PDB file of all heavy atoms in Angstrom:
ATOM      1  N   TYR A   1      11.292 -43.563  -4.384  1.00  0.00           N
ATOM      2  CA  TYR A   1      10.231 -42.914  -3.626  1.00  0.00           C
ATOM      3  C   TYR A   1      10.510 -43.047  -2.135  1.00  0.00           C
ATOM      4  O   TYR A   1      10.993 -44.090  -1.680  1.00  0.00           O
ATOM      5  CB  TYR A   1       8.864 -43.541  -3.894  1.00  0.00           C
ATOM      6  CG  TYR A   1       8.362 -43.413  -5.305  1.00  0.00           C
ATOM      7  CD1 TYR A   1       8.424 -44.486  -6.187  1.00  0.00           C
ATOM      8  CD2 TYR A   1       7.810 -42.220  -5.757  1.00  0.00           C
ATOM      9  CE1 TYR A   1       7.954 -44.377  -7.478  1.00  0.00           C
ATOM     10  CE2 TYR A   1       7.337 -42.105  -7.052  1.00  0.00           C
ATOM     11  CZ  TYR A   1       7.409 -43.189  -7.909  1.00  0.00           C
ATOM     12  OH  TYR A   1       6.935 -43.071  -9.197  1.00  0.00           O
ATOM     13  N   ALA A   2      10.188 -42.023  -1.394  1.00  0.00           N
ATOM     14  CA  ALA A   2      10.174 -42.162   0.054  1.00  0.00           C
ATOM     15  C   ALA A   2       9.164 -43.238   0.451  1.00  0.00           C
ATOM     16  O   ALA A   2       8.098 -43.357  -0.162  1.00  0.00           O
ATOM     17  CB  ALA A   2       9.816 -40.832   0.713  1.00  0.00           C
ATOM     18  N   ASP A   3       9.508 -44.019   1.473  1.00  0.00           N
ATOM     19  CA  ASP A   3       8.668 -45.162   1.838  1.00  0.00           C
ATOM     20  C   ASP A   3       7.221 -44.766   2.106  1.00  0.00           C
ATOM     21  O   ASP A   3       6.287 -45.484   1.717  1.00  0.00           O
ATOM     22  CB  ASP A   3       9.244 -45.861   3.067  1.00  0.00           C
ATOM     23  CG  ASP A   3      10.501 -46.646   2.769  1.00  0.00           C
ATOM     24  OD1 ASP A   3      10.762 -46.941   1.586  1.00  0.00           O
ATOM     25  OD2 ASP A   3      11.227 -46.979   3.721  1.00  0.00           O
ATOM     26  N   SER A   4       7.018 -43.643   2.757  1.00  0.00           N
ATOM     27  CA  SER A   4       5.669 -43.234   3.122  1.00  0.00           C
ATOM     28  C   SER A   4       4.820 -42.817   1.931  1.00  0.00           C
ATOM     29  O   SER A   4       3.593 -42.700   2.063  1.00  0.00           O
ATOM     30  CB  SER A   4       5.730 -42.081   4.124  1.00  0.00           C
ATOM     31  OG  SER A   4       6.324 -40.932   3.554  1.00  0.00           O
ATOM     32  N   LEU A   5       5.436 -42.602   0.785  1.00  0.00           N
ATOM     33  CA  LEU A   5       4.732 -42.104  -0.388  1.00  0.00           C
ATOM     34  C   LEU A   5       4.512 -43.156  -1.466  1.00  0.00           C
ATOM     35  O   LEU A   5       3.798 -42.882  -2.443  1.00  0.00           O
ATOM     36  CB  LEU A   5       5.493 -40.923  -0.992  1.00  0.00           C
ATOM     37  CG  LEU A   5       5.784 -39.775  -0.031  1.00  0.00           C
ATOM     38  CD1 LEU A   5       6.576 -38.687  -0.729  1.00  0.00           C
ATOM     39  CD2 LEU A   5       4.493 -39.225   0.551  1.00  0.00           C
ATOM     40  N   LYS A   6       5.106 -44.302  -1.311  1.00  0.00           N
ATOM     41  CA  LYS A   6       4.953 -45.351  -2.315  1.00  0.00           C
ATOM     42  C   LYS A   6       3.482 -45.736  -2.454  1.00  0.00           C
ATOM     43  O   LYS A   6       2.776 -45.927  -1.478  1.00  0.00           O
ATOM     44  CB  LYS A   6       5.780 -46.571  -1.941  1.00  0.00           C
ATOM     45  CG  LYS A   6       7.274 -46.354  -2.050  1.00  0.00           C
ATOM     46  CD  LYS A   6       8.048 -47.603  -1.649  1.00  0.00           C
ATOM     47  CE  LYS A   6       9.544 -47.371  -1.769  1.00  0.00           C
ATOM     48  NZ  LYS A   6      10.322 -48.556  -1.337  1.00  0.00           N
ATOM     49  N   GLY A   7       3.037 -45.808  -3.700  1.00  0.00           N
ATOM     50  CA  GLY A   7       1.653 -46.137  -3.980  1.00  0.00           C
ATOM     51  C   GLY A   7       0.753 -44.937  -4.121  1.00  0.00           C
ATOM     52  O   GLY A   7      -0.379 -45.088  -4.604  1.00  0.00           O
ATOM     53  N   ARG A   8       1.204 -43.761  -3.697  1.00  0.00           N
ATOM     54  CA  ARG A   8       0.410 -42.540  -3.807  1.00  0.00           C
ATOM     55  C   ARG A   8       0.995 -41.543  -4.796  1.00  0.00           C
ATOM     56  O   ARG A   8       0.245 -40.841  -5.467  1.00  0.00           O
ATOM     57  CB  ARG A   8       0.257 -41.857  -2.445  1.00  0.00           C
ATOM     58  CG  ARG A   8      -0.500 -42.678  -1.420  1.00  0.00           C
ATOM     59  CD  ARG A   8      -0.942 -41.823  -0.243  1.00  0.00           C
ATOM     60  NE  ARG A   8       0.192 -41.251   0.488  1.00  0.00           N
ATOM     61  CZ  ARG A   8       0.402 -39.951   0.665  1.00  0.00           C
ATOM     62  NH1 ARG A   8      -0.446 -39.063   0.142  1.00  0.00           N
ATOM     63  NH2 ARG A   8       1.439 -39.524   1.357  1.00  0.00           N
ATOM     64  N   PHE A   9       2.321 -41.462  -4.861  1.00  0.00           N
ATOM     65  CA  PHE A   9       2.986 -40.497  -5.735  1.00  0.00           C
ATOM     66  C   PHE A   9       3.652 -41.225  -6.901  1.00  0.00           C
ATOM     67  O   PHE A   9       4.165 -42.341  -6.742  1.00  0.00           O
ATOM     68  CB  PHE A   9       4.059 -39.717  -4.976  1.00  0.00           C
ATOM     69  CG  PHE A   9       3.537 -38.688  -4.009  1.00  0.00           C
ATOM     70  CD1 PHE A   9       2.224 -38.700  -3.558  1.00  0.00           C
ATOM     71  CD2 PHE A   9       4.385 -37.690  -3.550  1.00  0.00           C
ATOM     72  CE1 PHE A   9       1.759 -37.753  -2.664  1.00  0.00           C
ATOM     73  CE2 PHE A   9       3.930 -36.735  -2.658  1.00  0.00           C
ATOM     74  CZ  PHE A   9       2.622 -36.760  -2.209  1.00  0.00           C
ATOM     75  N   THR A  10       3.662 -40.580  -8.063  1.00  0.00           N
ATOM     76  CA  THR A  10       4.302 -41.129  -9.245  1.00  0.00           C
ATOM     77  C   THR A  10       5.134 -40.050  -9.921  1.00  0.00           C
ATOM     78  O   THR A  10       4.616 -38.984 -10.247  1.00  0.00           O
ATOM     79  CB  THR A  10       3.276 -41.679 -10.242  1.00  0.00           C
ATOM     80  OG1 THR A  10       2.464 -42.674  -9.612  1.00  0.00           O
ATOM     81  CG2 THR A  10       3.984 -42.309 -11.439  1.00  0.00           C
ATOM     82  N   ILE A  11       6.410 -40.332 -10.131  1.00  0.00           N
ATOM     83  CA  ILE A  11       7.289 -39.409 -10.834  1.00  0.00           C
ATOM     84  C   ILE A  11       7.440 -39.876 -12.278  1.00  0.00           C
ATOM     85  O   ILE A  11       7.460 -41.077 -12.561  1.00  0.00           O
ATOM     86  CB  ILE A  11       8.663 -39.310 -10.136  1.00  0.00           C
ATOM     87  CG1 ILE A  11       9.480 -38.146 -10.688  1.00  0.00           C
ATOM     88  CG2 ILE A  11       9.434 -40.618 -10.240  1.00  0.00           C
ATOM     89  CD1 ILE A  11      10.745 -37.860  -9.880  1.00  0.00           C
ATOM     90  N   SER A  12       7.537 -38.930 -13.193  1.00  0.00           N
ATOM     91  CA  SER A  12       7.750 -39.249 -14.595  1.00  0.00           C
ATOM     92  C   SER A  12       8.459 -38.081 -15.261  1.00  0.00           C
ATOM     93  O   SER A  12       8.549 -36.991 -14.696  1.00  0.00           O
ATOM     94  CB  SER A  12       6.426 -39.565 -15.299  1.00  0.00           C
ATOM     95  OG  SER A  12       5.568 -38.436 -15.290  1.00  0.00           O
ATOM     96  N   ARG A  13       8.953 -38.323 -16.458  1.00  0.00           N
ATOM     97  CA  ARG A  13       9.599 -37.242 -17.191  1.00  0.00           C
ATOM     98  C   ARG A  13       9.313 -37.366 -18.669  1.00  0.00           C
ATOM     99  O   ARG A  13       9.162 -38.470 -19.206  1.00  0.00           O
ATOM    100  CB  ARG A  13      11.111 -37.218 -16.924  1.00  0.00           C
ATOM    101  CG  ARG A  13      11.887 -38.425 -17.413  1.00  0.00           C
ATOM    102  CD  ARG A  13      13.314 -38.411 -16.862  1.00  0.00           C
ATOM    103  NE  ARG A  13      14.035 -37.210 -17.264  1.00  0.00           N
ATOM    104  CZ  ARG A  13      15.108 -36.720 -16.633  1.00  0.00           C
ATOM    105  NH1 ARG A  13      15.575 -37.338 -15.548  1.00  0.00           N
ATOM    106  NH2 ARG A  13      15.702 -35.616 -17.073  1.00  0.00           N
ATOM    107  N   ASP A  14       9.243 -36.220 -19.322  1.00  0.00           N
ATOM    108  CA  ASP A  14       9.075 -36.137 -20.763  1.00  0.00           C
ATOM    109  C   ASP A  14      10.229 -35.283 -21.266  1.00  0.00           C
ATOM    110  O   ASP A  14      10.151 -34.055 -21.280  1.00  0.00           O
ATOM    111  CB  ASP A  14       7.728 -35.533 -21.126  1.00  0.00           C
ATOM    112  CG  ASP A  14       7.452 -35.581 -22.617  1.00  0.00           C
ATOM    113  OD1 ASP A  14       8.405 -35.725 -23.407  1.00  0.00           O
ATOM    114  OD2 ASP A  14       6.274 -35.471 -22.999  1.00  0.00           O
ATOM    115  N   ASN A  15      11.304 -35.939 -21.644  1.00  0.00           N
ATOM    116  CA  ASN A  15      12.499 -35.194 -22.034  1.00  0.00           C
ATOM    117  C   ASN A  15      12.275 -34.359 -23.293  1.00  0.00           C
ATOM    118  O   ASN A  15      12.912 -33.321 -23.466  1.00  0.00           O
ATOM    119  CB  ASN A  15      13.671 -36.151 -22.230  1.00  0.00           C
ATOM    120  CG  ASN A  15      14.213 -36.676 -20.917  1.00  0.00           C
ATOM    121  OD1 ASN A  15      14.039 -36.054 -19.868  1.00  0.00           O
ATOM    122  ND2 ASN A  15      14.878 -37.825 -20.961  1.00  0.00           N
ATOM    123  N   ALA A  16      11.377 -34.794 -24.161  1.00  0.00           N
ATOM    124  CA  ALA A  16      11.070 -34.011 -25.354  1.00  0.00           C
ATOM    125  C   ALA A  16      10.444 -32.671 -24.997  1.00  0.00           C
ATOM    126  O   ALA A  16      10.586 -31.700 -25.743  1.00  0.00           O
ATOM    127  CB  ALA A  16      10.153 -34.798 -26.279  1.00  0.00           C
ATOM    128  N   LYS A  17       9.728 -32.616 -23.869  1.00  0.00           N
ATOM    129  CA  LYS A  17       9.126 -31.379 -23.397  1.00  0.00           C
ATOM    130  C   LYS A  17       9.964 -30.686 -22.339  1.00  0.00           C
ATOM    131  O   LYS A  17       9.556 -29.653 -21.809  1.00  0.00           O
ATOM    132  CB  LYS A  17       7.730 -31.645 -22.843  1.00  0.00           C
ATOM    133  CG  LYS A  17       6.737 -32.136 -23.880  1.00  0.00           C
ATOM    134  CD  LYS A  17       5.356 -32.329 -23.278  1.00  0.00           C
ATOM    135  CE  LYS A  17       4.354 -32.762 -24.330  1.00  0.00           C
ATOM    136  NZ  LYS A  17       3.003 -32.961 -23.756  1.00  0.00           N
ATOM    137  N   ASN A  18      11.119 -31.255 -22.006  1.00  0.00           N
ATOM    138  CA  ASN A  18      12.011 -30.672 -21.005  1.00  0.00           C
ATOM    139  C   ASN A  18      11.302 -30.485 -19.663  1.00  0.00           C
ATOM    140  O   ASN A  18      11.503 -29.483 -18.968  1.00  0.00           O
ATOM    141  CB  ASN A  18      12.573 -29.332 -21.493  1.00  0.00           C
ATOM    142  CG  ASN A  18      14.092 -29.295 -21.504  1.00  0.00           C
ATOM    143  OD1 ASN A  18      14.756 -30.327 -21.643  1.00  0.00           O
ATOM    144  ND2 ASN A  18      14.649 -28.104 -21.357  1.00  0.00           N
ATOM    145  N   THR A  19      10.499 -31.482 -19.276  1.00  0.00           N
ATOM    146  CA  THR A  19       9.649 -31.358 -18.101  1.00  0.00           C
ATOM    147  C   THR A  19       9.622 -32.659 -17.313  1.00  0.00           C
ATOM    148  O   THR A  19       9.601 -33.744 -17.895  1.00  0.00           O
ATOM    149  CB  THR A  19       8.218 -30.970 -18.502  1.00  0.00           C
ATOM    150  OG1 THR A  19       8.250 -29.737 -19.237  1.00  0.00           O
ATOM    151  CG2 THR A  19       7.341 -30.776 -17.281  1.00  0.00           C
ATOM    152  N   VAL A  20       9.608 -32.534 -15.991  1.00  0.00           N
ATOM    153  CA  VAL A  20       9.424 -33.645 -15.061  1.00  0.00           C
ATOM    154  C   VAL A  20       8.132 -33.411 -14.294  1.00  0.00           C
ATOM    155  O   VAL A  20       7.792 -32.269 -13.968  1.00  0.00           O
ATOM    156  CB  VAL A  20      10.623 -33.774 -14.112  1.00  0.00           C
ATOM    157  CG1 VAL A  20      10.353 -34.825 -13.038  1.00  0.00           C
ATOM    158  CG2 VAL A  20      11.879 -34.141 -14.889  1.00  0.00           C
ATOM    159  N   TYR A  21       7.429 -34.494 -13.981  1.00  0.00           N
ATOM    160  CA  TYR A  21       6.136 -34.399 -13.315  1.00  0.00           C
ATOM    161  C   TYR A  21       6.142 -35.176 -12.008  1.00  0.00           C
ATOM    162  O   TYR A  21       6.896 -36.141 -11.842  1.00  0.00           O
ATOM    163  CB  TYR A  21       5.028 -34.965 -14.206  1.00  0.00           C
ATOM    164  CG  TYR A  21       4.947 -34.319 -15.557  1.00  0.00           C
ATOM    165  CD1 TYR A  21       5.549 -34.903 -16.659  1.00  0.00           C
ATOM    166  CD2 TYR A  21       4.272 -33.116 -15.734  1.00  0.00           C
ATOM    167  CE1 TYR A  21       5.480 -34.314 -17.912  1.00  0.00           C
ATOM    168  CE2 TYR A  21       4.201 -32.516 -16.974  1.00  0.00           C
ATOM    169  CZ  TYR A  21       4.803 -33.120 -18.059  1.00  0.00           C
ATOM    170  OH  TYR A  21       4.726 -32.518 -19.294  1.00  0.00           O
ATOM    171  N   LEU A  22       5.283 -34.758 -11.105  1.00  0.00           N
ATOM    172  CA  LEU A  22       5.009 -35.505  -9.885  1.00  0.00           C
ATOM    173  C   LEU A  22       3.499 -35.583  -9.719  1.00  0.00           C
ATOM    174  O   LEU A  22       2.856 -34.582  -9.393  1.00  0.00           O
ATOM    175  CB  LEU A  22       5.650 -34.851  -8.661  1.00  0.00           C
ATOM    176  CG  LEU A  22       5.492 -35.618  -7.346  1.00  0.00           C
ATOM    177  CD1 LEU A  22       6.295 -36.915  -7.381  1.00  0.00           C
ATOM    178  CD2 LEU A  22       5.907 -34.760  -6.155  1.00  0.00           C
ATOM    179  N   GLN A  23       2.935 -36.751  -9.971  1.00  0.00           N
ATOM    180  CA  GLN A  23       1.516 -36.984  -9.777  1.00  0.00           C
ATOM    181  C   GLN A  23       1.285 -37.389  -8.329  1.00  0.00           C
ATOM    182  O   GLN A  23       1.876 -38.364  -7.858  1.00  0.00           O
ATOM    183  CB  GLN A  23       1.007 -38.077 -10.710  1.00  0.00           C
ATOM    184  CG  GLN A  23      -0.468 -38.412 -10.545  1.00  0.00           C
ATOM    185  CD  GLN A  23      -1.374 -37.294 -10.992  1.00  0.00           C
ATOM    186  OE1 GLN A  23      -1.159 -36.698 -12.038  1.00  0.00           O
ATOM    187  NE2 GLN A  23      -2.382 -36.996 -10.190  1.00  0.00           N
ATOM    188  N   MET A  24       0.444 -36.656  -7.627  1.00  0.00           N
ATOM    189  CA  MET A  24       0.191 -36.880  -6.214  1.00  0.00           C
ATOM    190  C   MET A  24      -1.277 -37.240  -6.033  1.00  0.00           C
ATOM    191  O   MET A  24      -2.165 -36.437  -6.333  1.00  0.00           O
ATOM    192  CB  MET A  24       0.547 -35.644  -5.392  1.00  0.00           C
ATOM    193  CG  MET A  24       1.966 -35.141  -5.637  1.00  0.00           C
ATOM    194  SD  MET A  24       2.445 -33.809  -4.503  1.00  0.00           S
ATOM    195  CE  MET A  24       1.265 -32.553  -4.977  1.00  0.00           C
TER     196      MET A  24
END
C-alpha cells in the first residue's frame, strides 16, 4: 500500500471469480 493509504484502503482478490477488489 502507498503510505498515505494504509489503514483506509484494502486490496483483495478472488481468483475463483477472476476478480481483484479495492475497498476504499
